Amino acid sequence: MFIRTERLLLRPGWVEDAPALASAIGDEAILTKLAQVPSPYRVTDALWFLTQPHKLPLMPLLIFERTHGVPRLIGGTGLHNQDGEAEIGYWLARDAWGQGYATEAGRAVINMARHSLRLRRLVSGHFIDNTASGRVLTKLGFRATGQIVPRESKARGTTALC
């Protein structure tokens, strides 16, 4: 599935994307805000991720900034199964922070979930030390439940509150 927004292209990842993916996500400031991504993140990790089968309709998508030339990989988003519910997740490379890309990509994924996939409910969450992600979720219409739970963070090597 491909999604175009005003500034972005969201699409499934390909093996050829492995070096750009490893470079974009390999920042410790990004890795420690994610649950399932190891640190350090190498090209071999990207290759493994990109070659895994995904159970449709829940699938990861890479986020590319649309340019006048070749689109530039700046992040990832998508839907995955979290305790039997469709959960939206996202990350951006550090040089893409603060430009509204996470909100733009999130809106596109939510629209796809509602209109194409006919999902009635989406959930999401963020580590409590990632307040920027919390602001994105608020912009996307998510409401805080007040529930704080521990969640594994592979990059941190422990659980963190979410």
Foldseek 3Di string as FASTA:
>chain_A
DWDDDPFKIKAQDDLVCLVLVLVQQQDLVNQQFDFPAAPRRHSVNSNVLSPDDDDPPWDKIWIFTDDPDDTHTFWIWTWDADPNATEIDMTGGPVPPPPCPLLRVLLRRVCCCCPVVVHPDYHYDTFPVCVVVVVSVVSNPDDDPPDWDWGHRNHVPGTGID
